Amino acid sequence: MAFDTDLAGSPVGGASEERRSVGDLLICIDRAICVGFEDCITAAPGAFRLDAEGIATFSEPEGIERDRLLAACAACPVDALSVLDAAGRRILP
């Protein structure tokens, strides 16, 4: 699954973005926005981790149930995590 925009035409992706397909979701981490509050890690331990720079990166999100993963993405106070469904519709934020 590869998207440059969601169905509404909003940009998705970029040089600072890390993406991972998990089930029917495409989860995107905008590393330029993340400030390392760790709310995503608190909400879904095992899905995300902070790298050496203190920025969120993927750990093993495939092992986390869908609702918990969505809650973790929604928990980001700076909207560094976005989620698209299989049809390319933005779910979060």
N, C-alpha and C. Protein backbone atom coordinates (compact mmCIF):
# COMPACT_ATOMS: atom_id res chain seq x y z
N MET A 1 0.85 -1.16 0.00
CA MET A 1 0.00 0.00 0.00
C MET A 1 0.90 1.23 0.00
N ALA A 2 0.77 2.12 -0.97
CA ALA A 2 1.58 3.33 -1.01
C ALA A 2 0.70 4.51 -1.35
N PHE A 3 0.77 5.55 -0.56
CA PHE A 3 -0.06 6.73 -0.74
C PHE A 3 0.82 7.97 -0.71
N ASP A 4 0.50 8.93 -1.55
CA ASP A 4 1.12 10.24 -1.46
C ASP A 4 0.14 11.24 -0.87
N THR A 5 -1.17 10.97 -1.07
CA THR A 5 -2.22 11.77 -0.46
C THR A 5 -3.30 10.82 0.01
N ASP A 6 -4.10 11.26 1.00
CA ASP A 6 -5.24 10.45 1.38
C ASP A 6 -6.37 10.77 0.41
N LEU A 7 -7.53 10.18 0.60
CA LEU A 7 -8.63 10.39 -0.34
C LEU A 7 -9.12 11.83 -0.36
N ALA A 8 -8.89 12.58 0.71
CA ALA A 8 -9.29 13.99 0.75
C ALA A 8 -8.24 14.87 0.09
N GLY A 9 -7.13 14.29 -0.34
CA GLY A 9 -6.09 15.06 -1.00
C GLY A 9 -5.04 15.62 -0.06
N SER A 10 -5.14 15.30 1.23
CA SER A 10 -4.15 15.78 2.19
C SER A 10 -2.85 15.00 2.00
N PRO A 11 -1.71 15.69 2.05
CA PRO A 11 -0.44 15.00 1.83
C PRO A 11 -0.16 13.96 2.91
N VAL A 12 0.39 12.87 2.47
CA VAL A 12 0.82 11.80 3.37
C VAL A 12 2.20 11.38 2.91
N GLY A 13 3.11 11.30 3.82
CA GLY A 13 4.44 10.85 3.47
C GLY A 13 5.42 11.99 3.38
N GLY A 14 6.62 11.66 3.13
CA GLY A 14 7.68 12.64 3.03
C GLY A 14 8.97 12.02 3.52
N ALA A 15 10.04 12.74 3.35
CA ALA A 15 11.35 12.22 3.71
C ALA A 15 11.48 11.90 5.19
N SER A 16 10.74 12.63 6.02
CA SER A 16 10.86 12.42 7.47
C SER A 16 9.83 11.43 7.99
N GLU A 17 9.10 10.77 7.11
CA GLU A 17 8.03 9.89 7.56
C GLU A 17 8.43 8.42 7.44
N GLU A 18 8.05 7.68 8.46
CA GLU A 18 8.25 6.24 8.50
C GLU A 18 6.87 5.61 8.44
N ARG A 19 6.69 4.57 7.61
CA ARG A 19 5.38 3.95 7.43
C ARG A 19 5.45 2.46 7.70
N ARG A 20 4.31 1.93 8.16
CA ARG A 20 4.23 0.48 8.37
C ARG A 20 2.78 0.05 8.14
N SER A 21 2.59 -0.98 7.32
CA SER A 21 1.28 -1.59 7.14
C SER A 21 1.08 -2.60 8.25
N VAL A 22 -0.05 -2.47 8.94
CA VAL A 22 -0.40 -3.37 10.03
C VAL A 22 -1.84 -3.79 9.81
N GLY A 23 -2.05 -5.02 9.38
CA GLY A 23 -3.40 -5.46 9.05
C GLY A 23 -3.95 -4.59 7.94
N ASP A 24 -5.13 -4.00 8.19
CA ASP A 24 -5.76 -3.14 7.18
C ASP A 24 -5.43 -1.67 7.37
N LEU A 25 -4.42 -1.38 8.17
CA LEU A 25 -4.04 0.01 8.46
C LEU A 25 -2.67 0.34 7.90
N LEU A 26 -2.49 1.59 7.51
CA LEU A 26 -1.17 2.12 7.20
C LEU A 26 -0.89 3.17 8.27
N ILE A 27 0.12 2.91 9.09
CA ILE A 27 0.48 3.82 10.18
C ILE A 27 1.71 4.60 9.75
N CYS A 28 1.65 5.90 9.95
CA CYS A 28 2.73 6.80 9.55
C CYS A 28 3.23 7.57 10.76
N ILE A 29 4.53 7.62 10.92
CA ILE A 29 5.16 8.43 11.96
C ILE A 29 5.87 9.58 11.27
N ASP A 30 5.46 10.80 11.55
CA ASP A 30 6.16 11.96 11.02
C ASP A 30 7.26 12.33 12.00
N ARG A 31 8.46 11.91 11.68
CA ARG A 31 9.59 12.09 12.58
C ARG A 31 9.99 13.55 12.74
N ALA A 32 9.58 14.40 11.82
CA ALA A 32 9.88 15.83 11.94
C ALA A 32 8.97 16.51 12.97
N ILE A 33 7.84 15.89 13.26
CA ILE A 33 6.88 16.46 14.21
C ILE A 33 7.04 15.87 15.60
N CYS A 34 7.40 14.59 15.68
CA CYS A 34 7.50 13.90 16.97
C CYS A 34 8.49 14.61 17.89
N VAL A 35 8.08 14.77 19.14
CA VAL A 35 8.96 15.38 20.14
C VAL A 35 9.24 14.42 21.30
N GLY A 36 8.82 13.16 21.16
CA GLY A 36 9.20 12.14 22.12
C GLY A 36 8.48 12.15 23.45
N PHE A 37 7.21 12.55 23.48
CA PHE A 37 6.45 12.54 24.73
C PHE A 37 6.18 11.12 25.24
N GLU A 38 6.25 10.13 24.37
CA GLU A 38 6.07 8.71 24.70
C GLU A 38 4.63 8.31 24.98
N ASP A 39 3.65 9.15 24.67
CA ASP A 39 2.25 8.78 24.89
C ASP A 39 1.86 7.55 24.07
N CYS A 40 2.40 7.42 22.87
CA CYS A 40 2.12 6.25 22.04
C CYS A 40 2.68 4.99 22.69
N ILE A 41 3.83 5.09 23.29
CA ILE A 41 4.47 3.95 23.94
C ILE A 41 3.69 3.55 25.19
N THR A 42 3.23 4.54 25.94
CA THR A 42 2.43 4.26 27.14
C THR A 42 1.13 3.56 26.77
N ALA A 43 0.49 4.00 25.67
CA ALA A 43 -0.80 3.44 25.26
C ALA A 43 -0.67 2.05 24.64
N ALA A 44 0.45 1.77 23.99
CA ALA A 44 0.63 0.47 23.34
C ALA A 44 2.10 0.04 23.43
N PRO A 45 2.52 -0.38 24.62
CA PRO A 45 3.90 -0.86 24.75
C PRO A 45 4.15 -1.99 23.74
N GLY A 46 5.26 -1.94 23.11
CA GLY A 46 5.59 -2.95 22.11
C GLY A 46 5.34 -2.50 20.69
N ALA A 47 4.49 -1.52 20.49
CA ALA A 47 4.20 -1.04 19.14
C ALA A 47 5.23 -0.01 18.68
N PHE A 48 5.61 0.85 19.61
CA PHE A 48 6.54 1.94 19.30
C PHE A 48 7.66 1.96 20.34
N ARG A 49 8.74 2.64 19.98
CA ARG A 49 9.84 2.89 20.90
C ARG A 49 10.48 4.20 20.49
N LEU A 50 11.30 4.75 21.35
CA LEU A 50 12.07 5.93 20.97
C LEU A 50 13.44 5.48 20.50
N ASP A 51 13.92 6.10 19.43
CA ASP A 51 15.25 5.77 18.93
C ASP A 51 16.30 6.57 19.70
N ALA A 52 17.54 6.51 19.27
CA ALA A 52 18.64 7.18 19.96
C ALA A 52 18.48 8.70 19.98
N GLU A 53 17.69 9.23 19.04
CA GLU A 53 17.43 10.67 18.98
C GLU A 53 16.23 11.09 19.82
N GLY A 54 15.56 10.11 20.45
CA GLY A 54 14.37 10.41 21.25
C GLY A 54 13.12 10.61 20.41
N ILE A 55 13.11 10.04 19.20
CA ILE A 55 11.99 10.16 18.28
C ILE A 55 11.32 8.80 18.13
N ALA A 56 9.98 8.81 18.04
CA ALA A 56 9.24 7.55 17.92
C ALA A 56 9.59 6.83 16.62
N THR A 57 9.69 5.53 16.75
CA THR A 57 9.90 4.64 15.62
C THR A 57 9.10 3.36 15.91
N PHE A 58 8.94 2.53 14.91
CA PHE A 58 8.19 1.29 15.12
C PHE A 58 9.01 0.28 15.88
N SER A 59 8.32 -0.47 16.72
CA SER A 59 8.91 -1.62 17.37
C SER A 59 8.27 -2.84 16.70
N GLU A 60 7.18 -3.35 17.28
CA GLU A 60 6.47 -4.48 16.68
C GLU A 60 4.96 -4.24 16.74
N PRO A 61 4.44 -3.29 15.96
CA PRO A 61 3.02 -2.97 16.02
C PRO A 61 2.12 -4.11 15.55
N GLU A 62 2.68 -5.04 14.77
CA GLU A 62 1.87 -6.16 14.28
C GLU A 62 1.36 -7.03 15.42
N GLY A 63 1.99 -6.98 16.57
CA GLY A 63 1.58 -7.79 17.71
C GLY A 63 0.58 -7.11 18.62
N ILE A 64 0.13 -5.92 18.25
CA ILE A 64 -0.79 -5.14 19.10
C ILE A 64 -2.18 -5.18 18.49
N GLU A 65 -3.20 -5.35 19.33
CA GLU A 65 -4.57 -5.39 18.80
C GLU A 65 -4.92 -4.03 18.19
N ARG A 66 -5.79 -4.08 17.17
CA ARG A 66 -6.13 -2.91 16.36
C ARG A 66 -6.60 -1.72 17.20
N ASP A 67 -7.55 -1.94 18.11
CA ASP A 67 -8.10 -0.84 18.90
C ASP A 67 -7.04 -0.18 19.77
N ARG A 68 -6.17 -0.99 20.33
CA ARG A 68 -5.10 -0.44 21.17
C ARG A 68 -4.10 0.35 20.33
N LEU A 69 -3.82 -0.14 19.13
CA LEU A 69 -2.92 0.56 18.22
C LEU A 69 -3.50 1.91 17.79
N LEU A 70 -4.79 1.92 17.48
CA LEU A 70 -5.46 3.19 17.13
C LEU A 70 -5.45 4.15 18.31
N ALA A 71 -5.68 3.65 19.51
CA ALA A 71 -5.65 4.51 20.70
C ALA A 71 -4.26 5.10 20.90
N ALA A 72 -3.22 4.30 20.65
CA ALA A 72 -1.85 4.80 20.79
C ALA A 72 -1.57 5.91 19.79
N CYS A 73 -2.04 5.75 18.57
CA CYS A 73 -1.84 6.78 17.55
C CYS A 73 -2.62 8.04 17.88
N ALA A 74 -3.81 7.88 18.42
CA ALA A 74 -4.64 9.03 18.79
C ALA A 74 -4.07 9.77 20.00
N ALA A 75 -3.26 9.08 20.79
CA ALA A 75 -2.72 9.68 22.01
C ALA A 75 -1.63 10.71 21.75
N CYS A 76 -1.09 10.74 20.56
CA CYS A 76 0.01 11.67 20.27
C CYS A 76 -0.46 13.12 20.37
N PRO A 77 0.11 13.90 21.28
CA PRO A 77 -0.37 15.27 21.47
C PRO A 77 0.03 16.24 20.35
N VAL A 78 0.96 15.83 19.49
CA VAL A 78 1.38 16.71 18.40
C VAL A 78 0.98 16.15 17.02
N ASP A 79 0.15 15.11 17.01
CA ASP A 79 -0.33 14.48 15.78
C ASP A 79 0.80 14.01 14.86
N ALA A 80 1.84 13.47 15.45
CA ALA A 80 2.94 12.92 14.66
C ALA A 80 2.59 11.55 14.07
N LEU A 81 1.53 10.94 14.58
CA LEU A 81 1.10 9.63 14.10
C LEU A 81 -0.20 9.79 13.31
N SER A 82 -0.21 9.27 12.10
CA SER A 82 -1.43 9.29 11.31
C SER A 82 -1.72 7.87 10.86
N VAL A 83 -3.01 7.62 10.57
CA VAL A 83 -3.44 6.28 10.20
C VAL A 83 -4.39 6.38 9.02
N LEU A 84 -4.15 5.54 8.02
CA LEU A 84 -5.04 5.41 6.87
C LEU A 84 -5.61 4.01 6.87
N ASP A 85 -6.86 3.88 6.38
CA ASP A 85 -7.43 2.54 6.24
C ASP A 85 -7.03 1.96 4.89
N ALA A 86 -7.48 0.76 4.61
CA ALA A 86 -7.08 0.06 3.38
C ALA A 86 -7.55 0.77 2.13
N ALA A 87 -8.60 1.59 2.24
CA ALA A 87 -9.11 2.33 1.10
C ALA A 87 -8.40 3.67 0.92
N GLY A 88 -7.46 3.99 1.81
CA GLY A 88 -6.73 5.24 1.71
C GLY A 88 -7.38 6.41 2.43
N ARG A 89 -8.41 6.12 3.22
CA ARG A 89 -9.08 7.17 3.99
C ARG A 89 -8.31 7.41 5.28
N ARG A 90 -8.10 8.69 5.58
CA ARG A 90 -7.42 9.03 6.83
C ARG A 90 -8.37 8.75 7.98
N ILE A 91 -7.90 7.95 8.94
CA ILE A 91 -8.65 7.65 10.15
C ILE A 91 -8.22 8.59 11.26
N LEU A 92 -6.91 8.79 11.38
CA LEU A 92 -6.34 9.65 12.42
C LEU A 92 -5.23 10.48 11.83
N PRO A 93 -4.88 11.61 12.32
CA PRO A 93 -5.73 12.40 13.21
C PRO A 93 -6.87 13.02 12.44
